[in-house]
């Protein structure tokens, strides 16, 4: 009779051998997963908009803004998990890796038990905070309540994906993510026509629960590099849980601060002379087209975090340093290609979204010129942020974000607005200066090397 399956070993190429291939091995699956997930959002909005109208689209948009703040904060736990997992995986300590992941699992379940009922009953109040119109609130209410009540699938998916990437396996989260996206689309096609926005939320809940359930089965059956055993499935270990929040909470606050800053920038754009055209240009240029850089950069940020954390755990801080630099070089190359497209073919790019004429096209071209430069800064900034967070320095990126993404752009726009009417170029300049500052401060902080002395035990 065959014995139990042996657990997979850690990928030692991350702490041995050439750095650039190791970074790319971690980065490309995350980049592709981000692309697929982004396309899913576009398709979801298209389905709801065509079947139910603009009020339903607005309802989903408002609900997601609220839900995203909660999820970003809760996902901070998983950043703390990634710090510990990467460090212990680099040291080759399977037992500690498995223990950390299990403690993150039971903590996520505990947080869900608190989140679900509070979110359900607080949904009407939360919608009043964003001044949603009555017809929009009517569409957002069931969508948001369903997401709160059934958020466990999404939380576990984020937790397991972060654990596997930190352990060096980026392909399994990609396969799980693509599967979840496909299932989500299928369920949405079936449920939206009958249940409206609630059907969209139901599709997400069912897809994420199925995929997370399958991932848990893999964990309990030794099918992954991380696995649960009777030794790891113990009662809560409060020392580990405190470490999860110690390293993770600053990242949660950082995410909330960036979301708040984004909302404030939208308020400034809404006060421009041609506000509708500027908002459309911002959505097309920054939210959609600039994502070609941010998708890449987020993947490289995760790769840099894993490379830095594992090599520090393996007692190779110099290799951790050079691994982050290797990730930054890849990001700068991608930013150069995309930036050249922004400068050379802005009209065809804007034309994908039907913005080829009039004020929208003029403002859009102007924004793309700023973003062509800004892409270099944000790509490098995110990579060095990954290096800092992966080694356990999660407080510095929070402070850097408060200065560069909140104080500088919001402060500049506020000062200029007090003297004269804001112009679109003022806001684009504020974004550029914020990205430059974030890049400079992140690089300097990483170069200081204080992360070399951070202990995680």
Protein backbone atom coordinates (compact mmCIF):
# COMPACT_ATOMS: atom_id res chain seq x y z
CA UNK A 1 0.00 0.00 0.00
CA UNK A 2 1.32 3.41 -0.93
CA UNK A 3 2.21 5.67 1.96
CA UNK A 4 1.14 9.31 2.37
CA UNK A 5 2.38 11.75 -0.23
CA UNK A 6 5.65 13.40 0.66
CA UNK A 7 5.54 17.19 0.94
CA UNK A 8 7.20 19.19 -1.80
CA UNK A 9 10.56 20.78 -1.09
CA UNK A 10 11.34 24.49 -1.18
CA UNK A 11 12.75 25.86 -4.44
CA UNK A 12 16.41 26.41 -3.60
CA UNK A 13 17.08 28.27 -6.85
CA UNK A 14 15.78 31.36 -5.03
CA UNK A 15 18.74 31.28 -2.65
CA UNK A 16 21.24 29.68 -5.03
CA UNK A 17 22.23 30.32 -8.64
CA UNK A 18 21.45 33.23 -11.00
CA UNK A 19 19.24 35.98 -9.55
CA UNK A 20 17.45 37.40 -12.60
CA UNK A 21 15.83 34.06 -13.63
CA UNK A 22 14.80 33.47 -10.00
CA UNK A 23 13.13 36.89 -9.82
CA UNK A 24 11.33 36.38 -13.13
CA UNK A 25 10.16 32.89 -12.07
CA UNK A 26 8.36 34.51 -9.13
CA UNK A 27 7.17 37.64 -10.92
CA UNK A 28 5.53 36.53 -14.16
CA UNK A 29 2.80 34.31 -12.63
CA UNK A 30 1.66 37.16 -10.37
CA UNK A 31 1.72 39.62 -13.26
CA UNK A 32 -0.41 37.29 -15.39
CA UNK A 33 -2.81 36.64 -12.52
CA UNK A 34 -3.25 40.40 -11.98
CA UNK A 35 -3.98 40.81 -15.69
CA UNK A 36 -6.62 38.08 -15.68
CA UNK A 37 -8.24 39.42 -12.50
CA UNK A 38 -8.29 42.93 -13.97
CA UNK A 39 -9.99 41.69 -17.11
CA UNK A 40 -12.56 39.92 -14.96
CA UNK A 41 -13.49 43.22 -13.35
CA UNK A 42 -13.95 44.81 -16.75
CA UNK A 43 -16.16 41.95 -17.92
CA UNK A 44 -18.22 42.04 -14.71
CA UNK A 45 -18.94 45.74 -15.13
CA UNK A 46 -19.77 45.23 -18.80
CA UNK A 47 -22.24 42.45 -17.96
CA UNK A 48 -23.98 44.41 -15.22
CA UNK A 49 -24.03 47.63 -17.21
CA UNK A 50 -25.51 46.04 -20.31
CA UNK A 51 -28.06 43.96 -18.41
CA UNK A 52 -29.11 46.40 -15.70
CA UNK A 53 -27.92 49.91 -16.53
CA UNK A 54 -25.61 52.52 -15.09
CA UNK A 55 -27.17 52.53 -11.57
CA UNK A 56 -26.20 48.88 -11.10
CA UNK A 57 -22.65 49.59 -12.30
CA UNK A 58 -22.42 52.52 -9.92
CA UNK A 59 -23.78 50.35 -7.10
CA UNK A 60 -21.09 47.72 -7.63
CA UNK A 61 -18.42 50.42 -7.87
CA UNK A 62 -19.50 52.06 -4.61
CA UNK A 63 -19.81 48.72 -2.81
CA UNK A 64 -16.37 47.61 -3.96
CA UNK A 65 -14.80 50.84 -2.70
CA UNK A 66 -16.20 50.14 0.77
CA UNK A 67 -15.43 46.43 0.73
CA UNK A 68 -11.91 47.03 -0.60
CA UNK A 69 -10.97 49.16 2.40
CA UNK A 70 -11.98 46.33 4.74
CA UNK A 71 -10.27 43.64 2.67
CA UNK A 72 -7.05 45.66 2.30
CA UNK A 73 -6.87 46.12 6.05
CA UNK A 74 -7.57 42.46 6.78
CA UNK A 75 -5.13 41.34 4.11
CA UNK A 76 -2.39 43.09 6.09
CA UNK A 77 -2.35 39.93 8.19
CA UNK A 78 -1.15 38.05 5.13
CA UNK A 79 1.78 40.43 4.63
CA UNK A 80 2.92 39.52 8.12
CA UNK A 81 2.50 35.88 7.21
CA UNK A 82 4.60 36.35 4.06
CA UNK A 83 7.43 37.95 6.05
CA UNK A 84 7.62 34.97 8.40
CA UNK A 85 7.15 32.32 5.72
CA UNK A 86 9.83 33.75 3.42
CA UNK A 87 12.33 33.99 6.26
CA UNK A 88 11.72 30.43 7.50
CA UNK A 89 11.59 29.01 3.95
CA UNK A 90 14.96 30.57 3.23
CA UNK A 91 16.31 28.84 6.32
CA UNK A 92 14.77 25.56 5.11
CA UNK A 93 12.56 25.19 8.20
CA UNK A 94 9.40 23.40 6.99
CA UNK A 95 7.94 23.06 10.47
CA UNK A 96 7.99 26.79 11.19
CA UNK A 97 6.59 27.61 7.75
CA UNK A 98 3.67 25.23 8.23
CA UNK A 99 3.01 26.51 11.75
CA UNK A 100 2.89 30.14 10.60
CA UNK A 101 0.49 29.36 7.76
CA UNK A 102 -1.84 27.39 10.04
CA UNK A 103 -1.89 30.20 12.59
CA UNK A 104 -2.68 32.66 9.78
CA UNK A 105 -5.48 30.32 8.68
CA UNK A 106 -7.21 30.17 12.05
CA UNK A 107 -6.71 33.92 12.51
CA UNK A 108 -8.36 34.58 9.14
CA UNK A 109 -11.31 32.40 10.15
CA UNK A 110 -11.58 34.24 13.45
CA UNK A 111 -11.50 37.64 11.73
CA UNK A 112 -14.20 36.48 9.32
CA UNK A 113 -16.47 35.49 12.21
CA UNK A 114 -16.21 39.07 13.45
CA UNK A 115 -16.35 40.76 10.04
CA UNK A 116 -19.36 38.98 8.57
CA UNK A 117 -22.08 39.95 11.07
CA UNK A 118 -20.74 43.47 11.64
CA UNK A 119 -20.47 44.08 7.89
CA UNK A 120 -23.98 42.77 7.24
CA UNK A 121 -25.68 45.05 9.75
CA UNK A 122 -23.42 48.06 9.10
CA UNK A 123 -23.91 48.05 5.32
CA UNK A 124 -26.75 50.66 5.24
CA UNK A 125 -24.70 53.02 7.42
CA UNK A 126 -21.56 52.52 5.31
CA UNK A 127 -23.49 53.44 2.16
CA UNK A 128 -24.63 56.71 3.77
CA UNK A 129 -20.97 57.64 4.33
CA UNK A 130 -20.34 57.76 0.58
CA UNK A 131 -23.53 59.73 -0.16
CA UNK A 132 -24.74 57.11 -2.60
CA UNK A 133 -27.92 58.07 -4.46
CA UNK A 134 -31.02 56.05 -3.50
CA UNK A 135 -31.08 54.08 -6.76
CA UNK A 136 -27.37 53.34 -6.39
CA UNK A 137 -27.73 52.28 -2.74
CA UNK A 138 -30.54 49.92 -3.70
CA UNK A 139 -28.17 48.10 -6.05
CA UNK A 140 -25.16 48.26 -3.72
CA UNK A 141 -26.90 46.98 -0.59
CA UNK A 142 -27.37 43.29 -1.55
CA UNK A 143 -24.01 43.19 -3.33
CA UNK A 144 -22.11 44.47 -0.29
CA UNK A 145 -24.00 42.35 2.23
CA UNK A 146 -23.37 39.14 0.30
CA UNK A 147 -19.68 39.95 -0.01
CA UNK A 148 -19.39 40.54 3.73
CA UNK A 149 -21.26 37.39 4.73
CA UNK A 150 -19.39 35.12 2.31
CA UNK A 151 -15.99 36.84 2.39
CA UNK A 152 -14.31 33.76 3.87
CA UNK A 153 -13.55 32.33 0.42
CA UNK A 154 -11.78 35.46 -0.75
CA UNK A 155 -9.90 35.88 2.53
CA UNK A 156 -8.61 32.31 2.42
CA UNK A 157 -7.63 32.65 -1.23
CA UNK A 158 -5.55 35.76 -0.46
CA UNK A 159 -4.02 34.06 2.59
CA UNK A 160 -3.05 30.86 0.78
CA UNK A 161 -1.75 32.71 -2.28
CA UNK A 162 0.47 34.93 -0.13
CA UNK A 163 1.81 31.91 1.77
CA UNK A 164 2.67 29.96 -1.38
CA UNK A 165 4.38 32.91 -3.07
CA UNK A 166 6.46 33.60 0.02
CA UNK A 167 7.46 29.93 0.07
CA UNK A 168 8.61 30.25 -3.55
CA UNK A 169 5.62 28.75 -5.40
CA UNK A 170 4.03 31.44 -7.58
CA UNK A 171 2.52 29.09 -10.19
CA UNK A 172 -0.05 27.43 -7.91
CA UNK A 173 -1.64 30.79 -6.96
CA UNK A 174 -1.76 31.58 -10.68
CA UNK A 175 -3.60 28.35 -11.47
CA UNK A 176 -5.99 28.87 -8.57
CA UNK A 177 -6.56 32.52 -9.53
CA UNK A 178 -7.29 31.76 -13.17
CA UNK A 179 -9.66 28.96 -12.13
CA UNK A 180 -11.48 31.31 -9.76
CA UNK A 181 -11.76 33.96 -12.47
CA UNK A 182 -13.21 31.51 -15.00
CA UNK A 183 -15.69 30.14 -12.46
CA UNK A 184 -16.66 33.67 -11.46
CA UNK A 185 -17.42 34.60 -15.06
CA UNK A 186 -19.50 31.45 -15.59
CA UNK A 187 -21.51 31.98 -12.41
CA UNK A 188 -22.01 35.65 -13.20
CA UNK A 189 -23.37 34.84 -16.66
CA UNK A 190 -25.85 32.49 -15.01
CA UNK A 191 -26.77 34.56 -11.96
CA UNK A 192 -26.69 38.24 -12.98
CA UNK A 193 -29.67 37.98 -15.37
CA UNK A 194 -31.80 36.49 -12.57
CA UNK A 195 -30.48 38.20 -9.42
CA UNK A 196 -28.86 41.42 -10.67
CA UNK A 197 -26.02 42.86 -8.58
CA UNK A 198 -26.71 40.22 -5.95
CA UNK A 199 -25.98 37.62 -8.63
CA UNK A 200 -22.58 39.20 -9.26
CA UNK A 201 -21.75 38.95 -5.55
CA UNK A 202 -23.05 35.38 -5.44
CA UNK A 203 -20.82 34.41 -8.35
CA UNK A 204 -17.75 35.81 -6.59
CA UNK A 205 -18.66 34.11 -3.31
CA UNK A 206 -19.26 30.69 -4.87
CA UNK A 207 -16.14 30.79 -7.06
CA UNK A 208 -13.81 31.92 -4.27
CA UNK A 209 -15.26 29.38 -1.81
CA UNK A 210 -14.84 26.49 -4.25
CA UNK A 211 -11.26 27.42 -5.11
CA UNK A 212 -10.29 28.06 -1.48
CA UNK A 213 -11.86 24.75 -0.44
CA UNK A 214 -9.82 22.92 -3.07
CA UNK A 215 -6.65 24.75 -1.97
CA UNK A 216 -7.28 23.67 1.64
CA UNK A 217 -7.67 20.08 0.46
CA UNK A 218 -4.26 20.37 -1.23
CA UNK A 219 -2.76 21.69 2.00
CA UNK A 220 -4.14 18.87 4.12
CA UNK A 221 -3.01 16.21 1.62
CA UNK A 222 0.66 17.19 1.18
CA UNK A 223 0.16 18.40 -2.39
CA UNK A 224 1.91 21.74 -1.92
CA UNK A 225 5.19 23.11 -0.62
CA UNK A 226 3.20 24.26 2.44
CA UNK A 227 1.07 21.67 4.20
CA UNK A 228 -0.91 21.10 7.38
CA UNK A 229 -0.05 18.21 9.67
CA UNK A 230 -1.34 17.05 13.08
CA UNK A 231 1.73 18.75 14.58
CA UNK A 232 0.86 22.14 13.07
CA UNK A 233 -2.91 21.96 13.63
CA UNK A 234 -2.81 23.08 17.24
CA UNK A 235 -4.56 25.70 19.34
CA UNK A 236 -3.81 29.38 18.67
CA UNK A 237 -0.16 30.31 19.18
CA UNK A 238 -0.43 33.89 20.38
CA UNK A 239 3.26 34.62 19.89
CA UNK A 240 2.96 33.79 16.18
CA UNK A 241 -0.32 35.68 15.84
CA UNK A 242 1.24 38.76 17.46
CA UNK A 243 4.08 38.56 14.91
CA UNK A 244 1.55 38.35 12.08
CA UNK A 245 0.00 41.63 13.17
CA UNK A 246 3.32 43.22 14.14
CA UNK A 247 4.62 42.91 10.59
CA UNK A 248 1.26 43.12 8.86
CA UNK A 249 -0.70 45.99 10.40
CA UNK A 250 1.54 48.77 9.01
CA UNK A 251 0.83 47.43 5.52
CA UNK A 252 -2.91 47.52 6.22
CA UNK A 253 -2.76 51.14 7.35
CA UNK A 254 -0.62 51.91 4.28
CA UNK A 255 -3.26 50.44 1.98
CA UNK A 256 -6.04 52.44 3.62
CA UNK A 257 -3.99 55.65 3.40
CA UNK A 258 -3.44 55.14 -0.33
CA UNK A 259 -7.16 54.51 -0.92
CA UNK A 260 -8.07 57.66 1.01
CA UNK A 261 -5.51 59.67 -0.97
CA UNK A 262 -6.99 58.33 -4.21
CA UNK A 263 -10.46 59.44 -3.18
CA UNK A 264 -9.15 62.91 -2.31
CA UNK A 265 -7.46 63.22 -5.70
CA UNK A 266 -10.77 62.33 -7.35
CA UNK A 267 -12.38 65.20 -5.43
CA UNK A 268 -9.80 67.61 -6.86
CA UNK A 269 -10.40 66.26 -10.36
CA UNK A 270 -14.12 66.70 -9.82
CA UNK A 271 -13.53 70.40 -9.14
CA UNK A 272 -11.79 71.09 -12.46
CA UNK A 273 -13.39 73.22 -15.17
CA UNK A 274 -13.81 70.22 -17.45
CA UNK A 275 -14.29 67.74 -14.62
CA UNK A 276 -16.15 65.07 -16.58
CA UNK A 277 -13.49 64.98 -19.30
CA UNK A 278 -10.69 64.99 -16.72
CA UNK A 279 -12.29 62.15 -14.76
CA UNK A 280 -12.67 60.13 -17.93
CA UNK A 281 -9.04 60.80 -18.90
CA UNK A 282 -7.89 59.87 -15.41
CA UNK A 283 -9.87 56.62 -15.46
CA UNK A 284 -8.56 55.68 -18.90
CA UNK A 285 -4.99 56.85 -18.48
CA UNK A 286 -4.21 56.15 -14.85
CA UNK A 287 -6.60 53.38 -13.85
CA UNK A 288 -6.52 51.38 -17.08
CA UNK A 289 -3.47 52.15 -19.24
CA UNK A 290 -1.05 52.81 -16.39
CA UNK A 291 -2.00 49.41 -14.99
CA UNK A 292 0.31 47.91 -17.64
CA UNK A 293 3.09 49.22 -15.40
CA UNK A 294 1.45 48.64 -12.02
CA UNK A 295 0.53 45.02 -12.83
CA UNK A 296 4.18 44.36 -13.63
CA UNK A 297 5.41 46.32 -10.64
CA UNK A 298 3.13 44.54 -8.17
CA UNK A 299 4.40 41.20 -9.47
CA UNK A 300 7.98 42.37 -9.10
CA UNK A 301 7.21 43.73 -5.63
CA UNK A 302 6.08 40.27 -4.55
CA UNK A 303 9.11 38.68 -6.18
CA UNK A 304 11.46 41.13 -4.47
CA UNK A 305 9.80 40.46 -1.12
CA UNK A 306 10.22 36.69 -1.45
CA UNK A 307 13.78 36.86 -2.79
CA UNK A 308 14.85 39.28 -0.05
CA UNK A 309 13.09 37.43 2.75
CA UNK A 310 14.29 33.97 1.77
CA UNK A 311 17.89 35.02 1.23
CA UNK A 312 17.95 36.87 4.53
CA UNK A 313 16.62 33.70 6.15
CA UNK A 314 19.36 31.73 4.41
CA UNK A 315 21.97 34.05 5.91
CA UNK A 316 22.75 35.78 2.59
CA UNK A 317 21.88 39.48 3.03
CA UNK A 318 24.09 40.56 0.11
CA UNK A 319 22.23 38.22 -2.21
CA UNK A 320 18.96 39.66 -0.89
CA UNK A 321 20.22 43.14 -1.78
CA UNK A 322 21.23 42.18 -5.31
CA UNK A 323 17.99 40.25 -5.83
CA UNK A 324 15.93 43.38 -5.20
CA UNK A 325 18.16 45.35 -7.56
CA UNK A 326 17.63 42.67 -10.22
CA UNK A 327 13.85 43.01 -9.80
CA UNK A 328 14.11 46.81 -10.09
CA UNK A 329 16.03 46.52 -13.37
CA UNK A 330 13.29 44.37 -14.89
CA UNK A 331 10.67 46.88 -13.76
CA UNK A 332 12.55 49.81 -15.28
CA UNK A 333 12.78 48.02 -18.63
CA UNK A 334 9.02 47.41 -18.67
CA UNK A 335 8.37 51.02 -17.65
CA UNK A 336 10.57 52.18 -20.52
CA UNK A 337 8.63 50.16 -23.09
CA UNK A 338 5.21 51.25 -21.80
CA UNK A 339 6.36 54.85 -21.40
CA UNK A 340 7.53 54.91 -25.01
CA UNK A 341 4.07 53.74 -26.07
CA UNK A 342 2.47 56.54 -24.05
CA UNK A 343 4.64 59.11 -25.86
CA UNK A 344 4.58 57.66 -29.38
CA UNK A 345 1.05 56.27 -29.80
CA UNK A 346 -1.21 58.05 -27.27
CA UNK A 347 -4.19 58.40 -29.63
CA UNK A 348 -4.42 54.69 -30.54
CA UNK A 349 -4.18 53.81 -26.84
CA UNK A 350 -6.90 56.29 -25.90
CA UNK A 351 -8.89 55.07 -28.88
CA UNK A 352 -9.27 51.65 -27.28
CA UNK A 353 -11.66 53.40 -24.89
CA UNK A 354 -13.24 55.68 -27.50
CA UNK A 355 -11.43 58.80 -26.29
CA UNK A 356 -9.90 60.08 -29.53
CA UNK A 357 -11.43 63.54 -29.87
CA UNK A 358 -12.24 66.65 -27.91
CA UNK A 359 -11.24 67.64 -24.40
CA UNK A 360 -10.95 64.04 -23.17
CA UNK A 361 -8.32 63.27 -25.80
CA UNK A 362 -6.38 66.48 -25.06
CA UNK A 363 -6.31 65.88 -21.32
CA UNK A 364 -5.61 62.18 -21.86
CA UNK A 365 -2.55 62.88 -24.02
CA UNK A 366 -1.29 65.32 -21.40
CA UNK A 367 -1.73 62.77 -18.62
CA UNK A 368 0.06 60.04 -20.57
CA UNK A 369 3.10 62.31 -20.98
CA UNK A 370 3.35 62.65 -17.21
CA UNK A 371 2.76 58.94 -16.68
CA UNK A 372 5.49 58.03 -19.19
CA UNK A 373 7.97 59.50 -16.70
CA UNK A 374 6.11 58.51 -13.55
CA UNK A 375 6.18 54.84 -14.55
CA UNK A 376 9.93 54.63 -13.90
CA UNK A 377 9.52 55.99 -10.40
CA UNK A 378 6.56 53.88 -9.29
CA UNK A 379 8.07 50.69 -10.72
CA UNK A 380 11.29 51.16 -8.77
CA UNK A 381 9.42 52.35 -5.68
CA UNK A 382 7.23 49.25 -5.53
CA UNK A 383 10.21 46.95 -6.01
CA UNK A 384 12.14 48.52 -3.14
CA UNK A 385 8.96 48.48 -1.07
CA UNK A 386 8.81 44.73 -1.67
CA UNK A 387 12.42 44.40 -0.55
CA UNK A 388 11.70 46.28 2.68
CA UNK A 389 8.47 44.45 3.46
CA UNK A 390 9.90 41.03 2.62
CA UNK A 391 12.70 41.48 5.14
CA UNK A 392 10.30 42.63 7.85
CA UNK A 393 10.56 46.42 7.60
CA UNK A 394 6.87 47.18 7.06
CA UNK A 395 6.80 50.44 9.04
CA UNK A 396 9.09 52.39 6.72
CA UNK A 397 6.89 51.87 3.61
CA UNK A 398 3.92 53.12 5.67
CA UNK A 399 5.71 56.33 6.64
CA UNK A 400 7.02 56.79 3.10
CA UNK A 401 3.49 56.36 1.72
CA UNK A 402 2.05 58.94 4.11
CA UNK A 403 4.63 61.47 2.92
CA UNK A 404 4.74 60.67 -0.79
CA UNK A 405 1.22 59.52 -1.61
CA UNK A 406 -0.76 61.68 0.81
CA UNK A 407 1.11 64.74 2.07
CA UNK A 408 2.85 65.77 -1.16
CA UNK A 409 0.14 65.31 -3.84
CA UNK A 410 -2.79 66.32 -1.64
CA UNK A 411 -0.79 69.16 -0.07
CA UNK A 412 0.32 70.51 -3.45
CA UNK A 413 -3.19 70.45 -4.88
CA UNK A 414 -4.59 72.12 -1.75
CA UNK A 415 -2.01 74.92 -1.87
CA UNK A 416 -2.47 75.56 -5.60
CA UNK A 417 -6.24 75.52 -5.25
CA UNK A 418 -6.05 78.18 -2.55
CA UNK A 419 -4.37 80.58 -5.01
CA UNK A 420 -6.11 79.83 -8.30
CA UNK A 421 -8.29 77.44 -10.25
CA UNK A 422 -6.67 74.01 -10.47
CA UNK A 423 -5.68 72.75 -13.91
CA UNK A 424 -5.38 69.10 -14.94
CA UNK A 425 -1.62 69.49 -15.28
CA UNK A 426 -1.40 70.52 -11.61
CA UNK A 427 -2.90 67.22 -10.50
CA UNK A 428 -0.79 65.17 -12.92
CA UNK A 429 2.31 66.96 -11.61
CA UNK A 430 1.28 66.19 -8.04
CA UNK A 431 1.01 62.48 -8.94
CA UNK A 432 4.43 62.55 -10.60
CA UNK A 433 6.10 64.27 -7.64
CA UNK A 434 4.48 61.79 -5.28
CA UNK A 435 5.83 58.85 -7.25
CA UNK A 436 9.29 60.43 -7.45
CA UNK A 437 9.35 61.00 -3.70
CA UNK A 438 8.21 57.47 -2.99
CA UNK A 439 10.91 56.08 -5.26
CA UNK A 440 13.67 58.18 -3.72
CA UNK A 441 12.71 57.50 -0.11
CA UNK A 442 12.16 53.77 -0.71
CA UNK A 443 15.54 53.42 -2.42
CA UNK A 444 17.37 55.34 0.28
CA UNK A 445 15.71 53.40 3.09
CA UNK A 446 16.49 50.06 1.46
CA UNK A 447 20.06 51.13 0.75
CA UNK A 448 20.57 51.94 4.45
CA UNK A 449 20.46 48.20 5.09
CA UNK A 450 18.84 48.31 8.51
CA UNK A 451 16.61 45.45 7.37
CA UNK A 452 19.66 43.18 7.73
CA UNK A 453 19.25 43.19 11.53
CA UNK A 454 15.49 42.52 11.70
CA UNK A 455 14.63 39.38 13.66
CA UNK A 456 11.39 37.46 13.16
CA UNK A 457 11.64 34.61 15.72
